[in-house]
């Protein structure tokens, strides 16, 4: 949420300074989002956020909302397909998948200078898959992983924590594709 606030504030400064009605509307959205972020941070810090507070089964809706914000503000061409039956997705998997994909989306917006973003969530007979692809500038994966980039490490750790695997395919000038595979849990 805070990354979204920062992005929206940058847009206000760069694009809306000479359009007071649009600026006022955007600033109101920033205030509301900031208030939500403050509440979530307080709840997390106080460890009072219960399982139900995070609304299990809302993965598709939350990702769609994030993507709609970026589409409206950046002009990105976005494609989102969700073929996962989210009500059947274990809560911890849903949560870690959401935060991992959100980080990947924010990286594409912040760093990749992409004009297109494609997100696909699918389910097979063995588990769940997610693919996030952009047409941005790409990067040297070797350099990024060796430089202590918290975002990539955090994404891998989140997916590993739920028994999955995260793979990144990228190169300078080639865009980036993040692939996630999470096997079904044995009952």
C-alpha atoms as a PDB file:
ATOM      1  CA  UNK A   1       0.000   0.000   0.000  1.00  0.00           C
ATOM      2  CA  UNK A   2       2.765   2.422   0.869  1.00  0.00           C
ATOM      3  CA  UNK A   3       4.485   1.787  -2.460  1.00  0.00           C
ATOM      4  CA  UNK A   4       1.192   2.583  -4.173  1.00  0.00           C
ATOM      5  CA  UNK A   5       0.927   5.818  -2.180  1.00  0.00           C
ATOM      6  CA  UNK A   6       4.437   6.785  -3.217  1.00  0.00           C
ATOM      7  CA  UNK A   7       3.698   6.046  -6.882  1.00  0.00           C
ATOM      8  CA  UNK A   8       0.472   8.041  -6.752  1.00  0.00           C
ATOM      9  CA  UNK A   9       2.252  10.974  -5.077  1.00  0.00           C
ATOM     10  CA  UNK A  10       4.844  10.963  -7.870  1.00  0.00           C
ATOM     11  CA  UNK A  11       2.053  11.055 -10.436  1.00  0.00           C
ATOM     12  CA  UNK A  12       0.476  14.013  -8.622  1.00  0.00           C
ATOM     13  CA  UNK A  13       3.757  15.896  -8.699  1.00  0.00           C
ATOM     14  CA  UNK A  14       4.579  15.083 -12.338  1.00  0.00           C
ATOM     15  CA  UNK A  15       1.183  15.112 -14.044  1.00  0.00           C
ATOM     16  CA  UNK A  16      -1.562  16.695 -11.982  1.00  0.00           C
ATOM     17  CA  UNK A  17      -0.131  19.942 -10.586  1.00  0.00           C
ATOM     18  CA  UNK A  18      -1.971  21.984 -13.237  1.00  0.00           C
ATOM     19  CA  UNK A  19      -5.245  20.071 -12.932  1.00  0.00           C
ATOM     20  CA  UNK A  20      -6.645  20.965  -9.465  1.00  0.00           C
ATOM     21  CA  UNK A  21      -9.804  18.788  -9.630  1.00  0.00           C
ATOM     22  CA  UNK A  22      -7.831  15.668 -10.637  1.00  0.00           C
ATOM     23  CA  UNK A  23      -5.121  16.504  -8.096  1.00  0.00           C
ATOM     24  CA  UNK A  24      -7.668  16.867  -5.299  1.00  0.00           C
ATOM     25  CA  UNK A  25      -9.296  13.547  -6.179  1.00  0.00           C
ATOM     26  CA  UNK A  26      -5.939  11.771  -6.291  1.00  0.00           C
ATOM     27  CA  UNK A  27      -4.837  13.293  -2.978  1.00  0.00           C
ATOM     28  CA  UNK A  28      -8.067  12.090  -1.378  1.00  0.00           C
ATOM     29  CA  UNK A  29      -7.327   8.559  -2.616  1.00  0.00           C
ATOM     30  CA  UNK A  30      -3.789   8.842  -1.221  1.00  0.00           C
ATOM     31  CA  UNK A  31      -5.188   9.890   2.170  1.00  0.00           C
ATOM     32  CA  UNK A  32      -7.584   6.920   2.232  1.00  0.00           C
ATOM     33  CA  UNK A  33      -4.904   4.433   1.170  1.00  0.00           C
ATOM     34  CA  UNK A  34      -2.486   5.818   3.744  1.00  0.00           C
ATOM     35  CA  UNK A  35      -5.118   5.442   6.460  1.00  0.00           C
ATOM     36  CA  UNK A  36      -5.649   1.789   5.459  1.00  0.00           C
ATOM     37  CA  UNK A  37      -1.888   1.171   5.472  1.00  0.00           C
ATOM     38  CA  UNK A  38      -1.529   2.719   8.931  1.00  0.00           C
ATOM     39  CA  UNK A  39      -4.317   0.493  10.244  1.00  0.00           C
ATOM     40  CA  UNK A  40      -2.773  -2.645   8.733  1.00  0.00           C
ATOM     41  CA  UNK A  41       0.691  -1.815  10.047  1.00  0.00           C
ATOM     42  CA  UNK A  42      -0.670  -1.166  13.535  1.00  0.00           C
ATOM     43  CA  UNK A  43      -2.587  -4.452  13.451  1.00  0.00           C
ATOM     44  CA  UNK A  44       0.429  -6.400  12.247  1.00  0.00           C
ATOM     45  CA  UNK A  45       2.735  -4.814  14.797  1.00  0.00           C
ATOM     46  CA  UNK A  46       0.273  -5.462  17.586  1.00  0.00           C
ATOM     47  CA  UNK A  47      -0.288  -8.997  16.284  1.00  0.00           C
ATOM     48  CA  UNK A  48      -4.011  -8.413  16.500  1.00  0.00           C
ATOM     49  CA  UNK A  49      -4.776  -9.141  12.891  1.00  0.00           C
ATOM     50  CA  UNK A  50      -6.628 -12.401  12.842  1.00  0.00           C
ATOM     51  CA  UNK A  51      -6.981 -14.927  10.063  1.00  0.00           C
ATOM     52  CA  UNK A  52     -10.363 -13.487   9.026  1.00  0.00           C
ATOM     53  CA  UNK A  53      -9.150  -9.869   8.966  1.00  0.00           C
ATOM     54  CA  UNK A  54      -7.092 -10.594   5.860  1.00  0.00           C
ATOM     55  CA  UNK A  55     -10.170 -11.897   4.040  1.00  0.00           C
ATOM     56  CA  UNK A  56      -9.335 -15.333   2.685  1.00  0.00           C
ATOM     57  CA  UNK A  57     -10.567 -15.862  -0.843  1.00  0.00           C
ATOM     58  CA  UNK A  58      -9.852 -12.310  -1.988  1.00  0.00           C
ATOM     59  CA  UNK A  59      -6.664 -12.913  -4.024  1.00  0.00           C
ATOM     60  CA  UNK A  60      -8.226 -12.249  -7.427  1.00  0.00           C
ATOM     61  CA  UNK A  61     -10.087  -9.141  -6.260  1.00  0.00           C
ATOM     62  CA  UNK A  62      -7.048  -7.640  -4.530  1.00  0.00           C
ATOM     63  CA  UNK A  63      -4.752  -8.222  -7.518  1.00  0.00           C
ATOM     64  CA  UNK A  64      -7.353  -6.820  -9.902  1.00  0.00           C
ATOM     65  CA  UNK A  65      -7.690  -3.677  -7.762  1.00  0.00           C
ATOM     66  CA  UNK A  66      -3.904  -3.186  -7.761  1.00  0.00           C
ATOM     67  CA  UNK A  67      -3.686  -3.666 -11.519  1.00  0.00           C
ATOM     68  CA  UNK A  68      -6.614  -1.313 -12.147  1.00  0.00           C
ATOM     69  CA  UNK A  69      -4.805   1.423 -10.216  1.00  0.00           C
ATOM     70  CA  UNK A  70      -1.663   0.979 -12.296  1.00  0.00           C
ATOM     71  CA  UNK A  71      -3.617   0.809 -15.546  1.00  0.00           C
ATOM     72  CA  UNK A  72      -5.450   4.037 -14.764  1.00  0.00           C
ATOM     73  CA  UNK A  73      -2.357   5.914 -13.628  1.00  0.00           C
ATOM     74  CA  UNK A  74       0.420   4.657 -15.904  1.00  0.00           C
ATOM     75  CA  UNK A  75      -1.266   3.756 -19.175  1.00  0.00           C
ATOM     76  CA  UNK A  76       0.152   0.219 -18.937  1.00  0.00           C
ATOM     77  CA  UNK A  77      -1.393  -2.391 -21.149  1.00  0.00           C
ATOM     78  CA  UNK A  78      -2.407  -4.984 -18.571  1.00  0.00           C
ATOM     79  CA  UNK A  79      -3.680  -8.499 -19.026  1.00  0.00           C
ATOM     80  CA  UNK A  80      -4.899 -10.421 -15.978  1.00  0.00           C
ATOM     81  CA  UNK A  81      -6.260 -13.949 -16.066  1.00  0.00           C
ATOM     82  CA  UNK A  82      -7.134 -15.787 -12.862  1.00  0.00           C
ATOM     83  CA  UNK A  83      -8.136 -19.416 -13.251  1.00  0.00           C
ATOM     84  CA  UNK A  84      -7.458 -20.413  -9.642  1.00  0.00           C
ATOM     85  CA  UNK A  85     -10.450 -21.342  -7.549  1.00  0.00           C
ATOM     86  CA  UNK A  86      -9.409 -18.984  -4.754  1.00  0.00           C
ATOM     87  CA  UNK A  87     -11.874 -20.357  -2.242  1.00  0.00           C
ATOM     88  CA  UNK A  88      -9.874 -23.601  -2.355  1.00  0.00           C
ATOM     89  CA  UNK A  89      -6.474 -21.914  -2.032  1.00  0.00           C
ATOM     90  CA  UNK A  90      -5.096 -22.323   1.505  1.00  0.00           C
ATOM     91  CA  UNK A  91      -4.988 -18.980   3.261  1.00  0.00           C
ATOM     92  CA  UNK A  92      -1.229 -18.902   3.848  1.00  0.00           C
ATOM     93  CA  UNK A  93      -0.622 -19.690   0.167  1.00  0.00           C
ATOM     94  CA  UNK A  94      -3.031 -16.955  -0.891  1.00  0.00           C
ATOM     95  CA  UNK A  95      -1.360 -14.413   1.366  1.00  0.00           C
ATOM     96  CA  UNK A  96       2.221 -15.195   0.318  1.00  0.00           C
ATOM     97  CA  UNK A  97       1.273 -15.402  -3.349  1.00  0.00           C
ATOM     98  CA  UNK A  98      -0.481 -12.030  -3.152  1.00  0.00           C
ATOM     99  CA  UNK A  99       2.460 -10.239  -1.536  1.00  0.00           C
ATOM    100  CA  UNK A 100       4.959 -11.883  -3.892  1.00  0.00           C
ATOM    101  CA  UNK A 101       2.996 -10.943  -7.019  1.00  0.00           C
ATOM    102  CA  UNK A 102       2.373  -7.457  -5.678  1.00  0.00           C
ATOM    103  CA  UNK A 103       6.125  -6.987  -5.217  1.00  0.00           C
ATOM    104  CA  UNK A 104       6.698  -8.200  -8.786  1.00  0.00           C
ATOM    105  CA  UNK A 105       4.069  -5.769 -10.113  1.00  0.00           C
ATOM    106  CA  UNK A 106       5.580  -2.879  -8.181  1.00  0.00           C
ATOM    107  CA  UNK A 107       9.046  -3.764  -9.487  1.00  0.00           C
ATOM    108  CA  UNK A 108       7.730  -3.696 -13.057  1.00  0.00           C
ATOM    109  CA  UNK A 109       6.110  -0.298 -12.452  1.00  0.00           C
ATOM    110  CA  UNK A 110       9.045   1.229 -10.567  1.00  0.00           C
ATOM    111  CA  UNK A 111      12.096  -0.173 -12.304  1.00  0.00           C
ATOM    112  CA  UNK A 112      11.331  -1.926 -15.574  1.00  0.00           C
ATOM    113  CA  UNK A 113       9.997   1.010 -17.627  1.00  0.00           C
ATOM    114  CA  UNK A 114       7.566  -1.512 -19.092  1.00  0.00           C
ATOM    115  CA  UNK A 115       4.509  -0.645 -21.160  1.00  0.00           C
ATOM    116  CA  UNK A 116       2.874  -4.083 -20.853  1.00  0.00           C
ATOM    117  CA  UNK A 117       2.274  -6.399 -17.935  1.00  0.00           C
ATOM    118  CA  UNK A 118       0.743  -9.874 -18.136  1.00  0.00           C
ATOM    119  CA  UNK A 119      -0.349 -11.809 -15.034  1.00  0.00           C
ATOM    120  CA  UNK A 120      -1.763 -15.314 -15.262  1.00  0.00           C
ATOM    121  CA  UNK A 121      -2.822 -17.528 -12.346  1.00  0.00           C
ATOM    122  CA  UNK A 122      -3.679 -21.125 -13.141  1.00  0.00           C
ATOM    123  CA  UNK A 123      -4.357 -24.397 -11.416  1.00  0.00           C
ATOM    124  CA  UNK A 124      -3.354 -27.839 -12.686  1.00  0.00           C
ATOM    125  CA  UNK A 125      -3.731 -31.349 -11.355  1.00  0.00           C
ATOM    126  CA  UNK A 126      -0.552 -30.906  -9.289  1.00  0.00           C
ATOM    127  CA  UNK A 127      -0.786 -27.374  -7.950  1.00  0.00           C
ATOM    128  CA  UNK A 128      -0.996 -23.652  -8.588  1.00  0.00           C
ATOM    129  CA  UNK A 129       1.040 -21.627 -11.071  1.00  0.00           C
ATOM    130  CA  UNK A 130       1.539 -17.897 -11.513  1.00  0.00           C
ATOM    131  CA  UNK A 131       3.325 -16.084 -14.318  1.00  0.00           C
ATOM    132  CA  UNK A 132       4.066 -12.373 -14.287  1.00  0.00           C
ATOM    133  CA  UNK A 133       5.681 -11.012 -17.454  1.00  0.00           C
ATOM    134  CA  UNK A 134       6.627  -7.482 -18.503  1.00  0.00           C
ATOM    135  CA  UNK A 135       8.187  -5.988 -21.616  1.00  0.00           C
ATOM    136  CA  UNK A 136      10.518  -3.705 -19.675  1.00  0.00           C
ATOM    137  CA  UNK A 137      14.254  -3.173 -19.681  1.00  0.00           C
ATOM    138  CA  UNK A 138      15.091  -6.391 -17.827  1.00  0.00           C
ATOM    139  CA  UNK A 139      18.182  -6.724 -15.657  1.00  0.00           C
ATOM    140  CA  UNK A 140      21.135  -8.966 -14.935  1.00  0.00           C
ATOM    141  CA  UNK A 141      19.769 -11.597 -12.591  1.00  0.00           C
ATOM    142  CA  UNK A 142      23.265 -12.546 -11.458  1.00  0.00           C
ATOM    143  CA  UNK A 143      24.066  -8.958 -10.447  1.00  0.00           C
ATOM    144  CA  UNK A 144      20.700  -8.419  -8.771  1.00  0.00           C
ATOM    145  CA  UNK A 145      20.831 -11.573  -6.675  1.00  0.00           C
ATOM    146  CA  UNK A 146      24.387 -10.904  -5.601  1.00  0.00           C
ATOM    147  CA  UNK A 147      23.721  -7.313  -4.551  1.00  0.00           C
ATOM    148  CA  UNK A 148      21.366  -7.929  -1.643  1.00  0.00           C
ATOM    149  CA  UNK A 149      18.133  -6.827  -3.331  1.00  0.00           C
ATOM    150  CA  UNK A 150      15.617  -7.451  -0.577  1.00  0.00           C
ATOM    151  CA  UNK A 151      12.632  -7.560  -2.943  1.00  0.00           C
ATOM    152  CA  UNK A 152      13.821 -10.577  -4.934  1.00  0.00           C
ATOM    153  CA  UNK A 153      15.058 -12.390  -1.830  1.00  0.00           C
ATOM    154  CA  UNK A 154      11.800 -11.697  -0.030  1.00  0.00           C
ATOM    155  CA  UNK A 155       9.773 -12.964  -2.980  1.00  0.00           C
ATOM    156  CA  UNK A 156      11.754 -16.233  -3.075  1.00  0.00           C
ATOM    157  CA  UNK A 157      11.483 -16.677   0.695  1.00  0.00           C
ATOM    158  CA  UNK A 158       7.714 -16.147   0.688  1.00  0.00           C
ATOM    159  CA  UNK A 159       7.177 -18.780  -1.995  1.00  0.00           C
ATOM    160  CA  UNK A 160       9.661 -21.226  -0.413  1.00  0.00           C
ATOM    161  CA  UNK A 161       7.824 -20.821   2.908  1.00  0.00           C
ATOM    162  CA  UNK A 162       4.668 -22.308   1.330  1.00  0.00           C
ATOM    163  CA  UNK A 163       6.541 -25.116  -0.429  1.00  0.00           C
ATOM    164  CA  UNK A 164       6.755 -23.500  -3.847  1.00  0.00           C
ATOM    165  CA  UNK A 165       9.437 -22.423  -6.250  1.00  0.00           C
ATOM    166  CA  UNK A 166       9.985 -19.009  -7.850  1.00  0.00           C
ATOM    167  CA  UNK A 167      11.974 -18.677 -11.060  1.00  0.00           C
ATOM    168  CA  UNK A 168      13.004 -15.462 -12.792  1.00  0.00           C
ATOM    169  CA  UNK A 169      13.899 -15.203 -16.465  1.00  0.00           C
ATOM    170  CA  UNK A 170      15.375 -11.850 -17.454  1.00  0.00           C
ATOM    171  CA  UNK A 171      18.256 -10.158 -19.190  1.00  0.00           C
ATOM    172  CA  UNK A 172      19.091  -6.542 -19.958  1.00  0.00           C
ATOM    173  CA  UNK A 173      16.768  -5.357 -22.741  1.00  0.00           C
ATOM    174  CA  UNK A 174      14.662  -8.530 -22.607  1.00  0.00           C
ATOM    175  CA  UNK A 175      11.912  -7.846 -20.075  1.00  0.00           C
ATOM    176  CA  UNK A 176      11.265 -10.068 -17.077  1.00  0.00           C
ATOM    177  CA  UNK A 177       9.182 -13.168 -16.446  1.00  0.00           C
ATOM    178  CA  UNK A 178       8.522 -14.457 -12.952  1.00  0.00           C
ATOM    179  CA  UNK A 179       7.177 -18.011 -12.743  1.00  0.00           C
ATOM    180  CA  UNK A 180       5.828 -19.491  -9.538  1.00  0.00           C
ATOM    181  CA  UNK A 181       4.866 -23.123  -8.964  1.00  0.00           C
ATOM    182  CA  UNK A 182       3.195 -24.199  -5.718  1.00  0.00           C
ATOM    183  CA  UNK A 183       2.294 -27.885  -5.344  1.00  0.00           C
ATOM    184  CA  UNK A 184      -0.919 -28.966  -3.659  1.00  0.00           C
ATOM    185  CA  UNK A 185      -0.420 -30.007  -0.055  1.00  0.00           C
ATOM    186  CA  UNK A 186      -0.854 -33.626   0.881  1.00  0.00           C
ATOM    187  CA  UNK A 187      -3.781 -34.121   3.256  1.00  0.00           C
END
